[in-house]
């Protein structure tokens, strides 16, 4: 059997020595994905790297260091799966330039972004296959980047449906969650003049507006723009689960984007049995069934968002019924176990 390794860029969530909660009661069971492959490489792998590589620490980004270490240890595996945009691009370029790589199957979701599109044009032919979970971006990779359709495997994104599970709690509030490409300006304006209570679970917001155009808004700035009915602040997974539980519905306001920004929060909320109100963008099309498991509103339109939120708040029975359908949809299509099986099957098929 092929030895299929996985390399994941975890950032602050590097592998912990603490025992894993396999019940899913106290933390999401992300380890299930790691256990589909062997060996597993992340930033902790650098602790045993050669001294010269470790001395790069202050001058070379971790994703470059990890790519170098994974490539150095290529005799330990027959194929490599990477999850992490920058790590993927670094390893792809390294293997292309050295012509010494092993079959490489990355997991990517935003091919049209310039800092992904350009390296993919230069080095992407070295990839054995690609796994993605956005149909819009898969189409872009085929039509604009020239990848063969059979090389781009479409799977449904996952949520740990055991950790994120419905919990009995009176509806006291609504909430919004996430940092990437969020249109909180529109949400705050939509909430202005209403009595709706909302917590925005974020410590900052990142907006990607081009290759060199990025905007970062701190939670303090965001809170300063909001009224007294809006609170702001990041949360742990456990606290976030409680926030979802006591929310009647969840709002995911998005900036214009051709990829599936917001998918993690959408899936978490749906798994908790909550209706999601989401901005209608070009890329966010693969999860919500409008009017069945959630609602779309016009992107950047505070009046439309306000109308949807007020209508949903005034129809709690309808919100709960939609949430029940959302949970059922998650169980059938987006469970963590199904995602792991689908990814492993795609990688093995590519080999």
Protein backbone atom coordinates (compact mmCIF):
# COMPACT_ATOMS: atom_id res chain seq x y z
CA UNK A 1 0.00 0.00 0.00
CA UNK A 2 1.14 3.54 -0.70
CA UNK A 3 2.42 5.52 2.26
CA UNK A 4 0.36 8.71 2.04
CA UNK A 5 1.65 11.54 4.23
CA UNK A 6 -0.22 14.71 5.15
CA UNK A 7 1.34 18.11 5.82
CA UNK A 8 -0.81 20.69 7.58
CA UNK A 9 0.03 24.27 8.49
CA UNK A 10 -1.59 24.69 11.90
CA UNK A 11 -0.15 28.00 13.10
CA UNK A 12 -0.86 28.47 16.79
CA UNK A 13 -2.75 25.16 16.82
CA UNK A 14 0.35 23.03 16.27
CA UNK A 15 0.16 19.45 17.49
CA UNK A 16 -0.48 19.27 21.23
CA UNK A 17 0.74 16.67 23.69
CA UNK A 18 -2.60 16.87 25.50
CA UNK A 19 -4.91 13.84 25.16
CA UNK A 20 -7.42 14.07 22.32
CA UNK A 21 -11.09 14.04 23.22
CA UNK A 22 -12.36 11.30 20.93
CA UNK A 23 -15.93 11.80 22.14
CA UNK A 24 -16.17 15.26 20.60
CA UNK A 25 -17.66 16.60 23.84
CA UNK A 26 -15.01 19.21 24.67
CA UNK A 27 -13.23 19.89 21.36
CA UNK A 28 -13.73 19.27 17.63
CA UNK A 29 -12.31 15.95 16.45
CA UNK A 30 -9.91 17.29 13.85
CA UNK A 31 -7.53 14.42 14.63
CA UNK A 32 -9.76 12.08 12.61
CA UNK A 33 -8.41 13.62 9.42
CA UNK A 34 -4.77 13.24 10.48
CA UNK A 35 -5.32 9.58 11.28
CA UNK A 36 -6.33 8.86 7.70
CA UNK A 37 -2.69 9.36 6.67
CA UNK A 38 0.82 8.55 7.86
CA UNK A 39 3.18 10.20 8.55
CA UNK A 40 1.79 13.59 9.63
CA UNK A 41 3.87 16.76 9.34
CA UNK A 42 3.12 20.15 10.88
CA UNK A 43 5.15 22.88 12.59
CA UNK A 44 6.07 20.47 15.39
CA UNK A 45 8.05 18.49 12.78
CA UNK A 46 10.51 21.40 12.68
CA UNK A 47 11.59 20.67 16.26
CA UNK A 48 13.61 17.73 14.95
CA UNK A 49 14.75 19.42 11.75
CA UNK A 50 18.47 19.96 11.02
CA UNK A 51 20.08 22.83 12.90
CA UNK A 52 20.53 24.89 9.74
CA UNK A 53 16.80 24.80 9.06
CA UNK A 54 15.91 25.68 12.66
CA UNK A 55 18.27 28.66 12.50
CA UNK A 56 16.08 30.02 9.70
CA UNK A 57 13.32 30.57 12.25
CA UNK A 58 13.50 34.36 12.40
CA UNK A 59 14.22 34.92 8.73
CA UNK A 60 12.11 32.34 6.89
CA UNK A 61 8.33 31.90 7.35
CA UNK A 62 7.19 28.64 8.98
CA UNK A 63 5.40 27.52 5.82
CA UNK A 64 8.65 27.69 3.84
CA UNK A 65 10.53 25.86 6.58
CA UNK A 66 7.90 23.14 6.72
CA UNK A 67 7.92 22.73 2.94
CA UNK A 68 11.70 22.32 3.00
CA UNK A 69 11.51 19.77 5.82
CA UNK A 70 8.73 17.77 4.17
CA UNK A 71 10.70 17.71 0.92
CA UNK A 72 13.90 16.67 2.75
CA UNK A 73 12.04 13.73 4.30
CA UNK A 74 10.44 12.60 1.03
CA UNK A 75 11.84 9.06 1.37
CA UNK A 76 9.44 8.54 4.30
CA UNK A 77 6.35 8.57 2.07
CA UNK A 78 5.11 7.66 -1.41
CA UNK A 79 2.69 10.57 -1.83
CA UNK A 80 1.99 13.80 0.05
CA UNK A 81 -1.27 15.62 0.78
CA UNK A 82 -0.92 19.27 1.79
CA UNK A 83 -3.53 21.43 3.53
CA UNK A 84 -2.59 25.08 3.79
CA UNK A 85 -2.36 27.49 0.88
CA UNK A 86 1.15 28.86 1.41
CA UNK A 87 2.59 25.49 2.42
CA UNK A 88 1.10 23.94 -0.72
CA UNK A 89 2.54 26.60 -3.02
CA UNK A 90 5.98 26.43 -1.41
CA UNK A 91 6.19 22.64 -1.69
CA UNK A 92 4.79 22.69 -5.22
CA UNK A 93 7.46 25.17 -6.33
CA UNK A 94 10.24 23.31 -4.49
CA UNK A 95 9.35 19.97 -6.05
CA UNK A 96 9.06 21.51 -9.50
CA UNK A 97 12.42 23.24 -9.30
CA UNK A 98 14.32 20.26 -7.87
CA UNK A 99 12.49 17.66 -10.01
CA UNK A 100 12.79 15.28 -7.05
CA UNK A 101 9.31 15.34 -5.61
CA UNK A 102 6.75 12.67 -4.84
CA UNK A 103 3.13 12.70 -6.08
CA UNK A 104 1.56 15.81 -4.51
CA UNK A 105 -2.19 16.27 -3.92
CA UNK A 106 -3.04 19.64 -2.34
CA UNK A 107 -6.33 20.73 -0.80
CA UNK A 108 -7.16 24.22 -2.10
CA UNK A 109 -10.22 26.43 -2.35
CA UNK A 110 -9.26 29.76 -3.99
CA UNK A 111 -7.49 29.30 -7.33
CA UNK A 112 -8.50 32.71 -8.70
CA UNK A 113 -6.68 34.68 -5.99
CA UNK A 114 -3.62 36.26 -7.65
CA UNK A 115 -1.06 34.90 -5.19
CA UNK A 116 -2.43 31.40 -5.88
CA UNK A 117 -3.29 31.74 -9.56
CA UNK A 118 0.19 32.85 -10.64
CA UNK A 119 2.16 30.03 -8.91
CA UNK A 120 -0.42 27.53 -10.16
CA UNK A 121 0.21 28.67 -13.72
CA UNK A 122 3.97 28.35 -13.20
CA UNK A 123 4.20 25.09 -11.24
CA UNK A 124 0.75 23.50 -11.13
CA UNK A 125 1.47 20.91 -13.80
CA UNK A 126 3.62 19.06 -11.25
CA UNK A 127 0.56 18.24 -9.13
CA UNK A 128 -0.88 14.73 -9.28
CA UNK A 129 -4.40 15.96 -8.45
CA UNK A 130 -6.22 18.62 -6.42
CA UNK A 131 -8.99 18.31 -3.83
CA UNK A 132 -11.39 21.23 -3.45
CA UNK A 133 -14.84 21.88 -1.96
CA UNK A 134 -16.01 24.82 -4.03
CA UNK A 135 -17.68 24.15 -7.37
CA UNK A 136 -17.11 27.72 -8.57
CA UNK A 137 -13.35 27.51 -8.00
CA UNK A 138 -13.17 24.03 -9.49
CA UNK A 139 -14.70 25.43 -12.65
CA UNK A 140 -12.17 28.28 -12.60
CA UNK A 141 -9.26 25.84 -12.30
CA UNK A 142 -10.54 23.90 -15.30
CA UNK A 143 -11.60 26.78 -17.55
CA UNK A 144 -8.99 29.43 -16.69
CA UNK A 145 -5.96 27.45 -15.49
CA UNK A 146 -6.35 24.54 -17.88
CA UNK A 147 -6.48 21.64 -15.41
CA UNK A 148 -8.11 18.45 -16.64
CA UNK A 149 -11.51 17.92 -14.97
CA UNK A 150 -10.51 14.46 -13.75
CA UNK A 151 -7.62 15.98 -11.79
CA UNK A 152 -9.86 18.29 -9.71
CA UNK A 153 -11.79 16.23 -7.14
CA UNK A 154 -14.81 18.00 -5.62
CA UNK A 155 -15.72 16.98 -2.06
CA UNK A 156 -18.14 18.54 0.39
CA UNK A 157 -16.52 20.55 3.17
CA UNK A 158 -16.76 19.11 6.65
CA UNK A 159 -18.01 20.08 10.06
CA UNK A 160 -17.61 18.02 13.22
CA UNK A 161 -21.29 17.26 13.62
CA UNK A 162 -20.62 15.63 17.00
CA UNK A 163 -19.04 18.68 18.65
CA UNK A 164 -21.34 21.13 16.85
CA UNK A 165 -24.64 19.53 17.76
CA UNK A 166 -28.03 21.06 18.73
CA UNK A 167 -28.32 22.04 22.40
CA UNK A 168 -31.45 23.09 24.24
CA UNK A 169 -31.36 26.80 25.10
CA UNK A 170 -33.91 29.64 24.95
CA UNK A 171 -33.30 31.97 22.01
CA UNK A 172 -31.90 35.16 23.57
CA UNK A 173 -29.80 36.69 20.82
CA UNK A 174 -28.53 36.41 17.25
CA UNK A 175 -24.86 36.17 16.34
CA UNK A 176 -22.30 36.53 13.60
CA UNK A 177 -18.94 34.77 13.52
CA UNK A 178 -15.69 34.86 11.57
CA UNK A 179 -12.85 37.08 10.38
CA UNK A 180 -12.25 36.39 6.69
CA UNK A 181 -13.92 38.66 4.12
CA UNK A 182 -16.74 39.62 6.50
CA UNK A 183 -18.95 42.62 5.71
CA UNK A 184 -19.56 43.70 9.28
CA UNK A 185 -20.07 47.29 8.16
CA UNK A 186 -23.29 46.22 6.46
CA UNK A 187 -24.34 44.11 9.46
CA UNK A 188 -23.78 46.96 11.92
CA UNK A 189 -25.75 49.35 9.70
CA UNK A 190 -28.56 46.80 9.37
CA UNK A 191 -28.77 46.43 13.16
CA UNK A 192 -28.85 50.18 13.72
CA UNK A 193 -32.24 51.35 14.91
CA UNK A 194 -33.44 47.85 15.79
CA UNK A 195 -33.73 46.16 19.18
CA UNK A 196 -32.05 42.98 17.92
CA UNK A 197 -29.20 41.88 20.17
CA UNK A 198 -26.17 40.52 18.37
CA UNK A 199 -22.72 39.27 19.33
CA UNK A 200 -20.00 39.37 16.67
CA UNK A 201 -17.50 36.64 17.56
CA UNK A 202 -14.26 37.99 16.08
CA UNK A 203 -11.14 39.71 17.34
CA UNK A 204 -10.47 41.30 13.95
CA UNK A 205 -11.63 41.19 10.34
CA UNK A 206 -9.43 40.58 7.28
CA UNK A 207 -10.51 41.87 3.90
CA UNK A 208 -8.68 40.77 0.76
CA UNK A 209 -9.14 43.40 -1.94
CA UNK A 210 -6.37 42.36 -4.35
CA UNK A 211 -2.71 41.31 -4.47
CA UNK A 212 -1.48 44.20 -2.33
CA UNK A 213 -4.78 45.58 -1.06
CA UNK A 214 -5.65 44.22 2.37
CA UNK A 215 -7.62 45.77 5.21
CA UNK A 216 -7.59 44.65 8.82
CA UNK A 217 -10.16 45.98 11.26
CA UNK A 218 -9.71 45.31 14.97
CA UNK A 219 -12.55 44.24 17.25
CA UNK A 220 -12.15 47.54 19.10
CA UNK A 221 -12.74 49.49 15.87
CA UNK A 222 -15.70 47.30 15.05
CA UNK A 223 -17.23 47.73 18.50
CA UNK A 224 -16.80 51.49 18.23
CA UNK A 225 -18.94 51.54 15.09
CA UNK A 226 -21.70 49.41 16.62
CA UNK A 227 -24.63 50.42 18.81
CA UNK A 228 -25.37 49.31 22.38
CA UNK A 229 -27.22 46.21 21.13
CA UNK A 230 -24.02 44.80 19.56
CA UNK A 231 -21.12 43.21 21.42
CA UNK A 232 -17.83 42.11 19.88
CA UNK A 233 -15.16 39.63 20.93
CA UNK A 234 -13.50 36.36 19.92
CA UNK A 235 -14.49 33.11 21.65
CA UNK A 236 -13.10 29.66 22.30
CA UNK A 237 -14.76 26.70 20.60
CA UNK A 238 -16.69 25.88 23.77
CA UNK A 239 -17.90 29.45 24.24
CA UNK A 240 -18.81 29.68 20.57
CA UNK A 241 -20.89 26.52 20.83
CA UNK A 242 -22.85 28.13 23.67
CA UNK A 243 -23.28 31.31 21.63
CA UNK A 244 -24.74 29.33 18.73
CA UNK A 245 -27.01 27.47 21.15
CA UNK A 246 -28.59 30.63 22.56
CA UNK A 247 -28.91 32.32 19.14
CA UNK A 248 -32.15 32.07 17.20
CA UNK A 249 -30.22 32.39 13.94
CA UNK A 250 -26.72 33.18 12.64
CA UNK A 251 -25.79 35.90 10.14
CA UNK A 252 -22.82 35.53 7.79
CA UNK A 253 -22.36 38.91 6.04
CA UNK A 254 -19.79 38.61 3.25
CA UNK A 255 -17.84 40.91 0.99
CA UNK A 256 -17.90 40.20 -2.74
CA UNK A 257 -15.93 37.02 -3.41
CA UNK A 258 -15.76 34.22 -5.95
CA UNK A 259 -14.89 31.59 -3.37
CA UNK A 260 -16.72 30.08 -0.43
CA UNK A 261 -15.73 32.47 2.36
CA UNK A 262 -17.83 31.78 5.44
CA UNK A 263 -18.28 28.06 4.81
CA UNK A 264 -16.88 26.97 8.20
CA UNK A 265 -19.27 29.17 10.18
CA UNK A 266 -22.21 28.28 7.95
CA UNK A 267 -21.63 24.57 8.53
CA UNK A 268 -21.11 24.98 12.28
CA UNK A 269 -24.34 26.94 12.62
CA UNK A 270 -26.32 24.50 10.50
CA UNK A 271 -24.90 21.58 12.50
CA UNK A 272 -26.16 23.33 15.64
CA UNK A 273 -29.63 23.38 14.08
CA UNK A 274 -29.60 27.10 13.32
CA UNK A 275 -30.91 29.03 10.35
CA UNK A 276 -28.18 30.97 8.53
CA UNK A 277 -28.76 34.31 6.82
CA UNK A 278 -25.93 34.78 4.32
CA UNK A 279 -24.90 37.37 1.74
CA UNK A 280 -25.43 36.12 -1.78
CA UNK A 281 -21.97 36.07 -3.35
CA UNK A 282 -20.60 34.47 -6.50
CA UNK A 283 -18.65 31.83 -4.62
CA UNK A 284 -20.88 30.86 -1.67
CA UNK A 285 -23.24 28.49 -3.47
CA UNK A 286 -22.50 24.93 -2.37
CA UNK A 287 -24.11 24.65 1.07
CA UNK A 288 -27.24 26.73 1.71
CA UNK A 289 -30.52 25.86 0.02
CA UNK A 290 -32.30 29.20 -0.11
CA UNK A 291 -35.57 29.14 1.81
CA UNK A 292 -35.04 25.52 2.91
CA UNK A 293 -31.92 25.36 5.11
CA UNK A 294 -31.10 29.08 5.18
CA UNK A 295 -31.63 32.44 3.52
CA UNK A 296 -29.64 34.51 1.05
CA UNK A 297 -29.84 38.31 0.99
CA UNK A 298 -28.34 40.79 -1.46
CA UNK A 299 -24.67 41.39 -0.74
CA UNK A 300 -23.89 44.78 0.79
CA UNK A 301 -27.56 45.75 1.22
CA UNK A 302 -28.28 46.72 4.86
CA UNK A 303 -32.01 47.23 4.22
CA UNK A 304 -32.40 43.72 2.79
CA UNK A 305 -30.39 42.24 5.65
CA UNK A 306 -32.40 44.15 8.25
CA UNK A 307 -35.68 42.95 6.73
CA UNK A 308 -34.51 39.32 6.77
CA UNK A 309 -33.27 39.50 10.37
CA UNK A 310 -36.44 41.18 11.67
CA UNK A 311 -38.67 38.72 9.81
CA UNK A 312 -36.71 35.76 11.15
CA UNK A 313 -36.74 37.10 14.72
CA UNK A 314 -40.51 37.54 14.52
CA UNK A 315 -40.97 33.96 13.30
CA UNK A 316 -39.09 31.78 15.82
CA UNK A 317 -41.05 28.66 14.87
CA UNK A 318 -40.08 29.11 11.24
CA UNK A 319 -36.45 29.70 12.22
CA UNK A 320 -36.37 26.51 14.29
CA UNK A 321 -38.00 24.45 11.51
CA UNK A 322 -35.43 25.68 9.02
CA UNK A 323 -32.70 24.85 11.54
CA UNK A 324 -33.97 21.28 11.87
CA UNK A 325 -33.74 20.86 8.10
CA UNK A 326 -30.26 22.36 8.16
CA UNK A 327 -29.08 19.84 10.76
CA UNK A 328 -30.49 16.95 8.73
CA UNK A 329 -28.69 18.20 5.62
CA UNK A 330 -25.40 18.36 7.54
CA UNK A 331 -25.77 14.81 8.81
CA UNK A 332 -26.36 13.54 5.28
CA UNK A 333 -23.75 15.51 3.36
CA UNK A 334 -21.13 17.29 5.50
CA UNK A 335 -20.12 15.03 8.38
CA UNK A 336 -16.46 14.88 9.36
CA UNK A 337 -16.33 11.14 8.74
CA UNK A 338 -17.71 11.50 5.20
CA UNK A 339 -15.20 14.26 4.41
CA UNK A 340 -12.28 12.11 5.58
CA UNK A 341 -13.46 9.16 3.50
CA UNK A 342 -14.04 11.31 0.42
CA UNK A 343 -10.63 12.97 0.59
CA UNK A 344 -8.82 9.66 1.11
CA UNK A 345 -10.73 8.12 -1.80
CA UNK A 346 -9.84 11.06 -4.07
CA UNK A 347 -6.15 10.81 -3.18
CA UNK A 348 -6.05 7.05 -3.71
CA UNK A 349 -7.86 7.38 -7.03
CA UNK A 350 -5.27 9.90 -8.18
CA UNK A 351 -2.47 7.41 -7.46
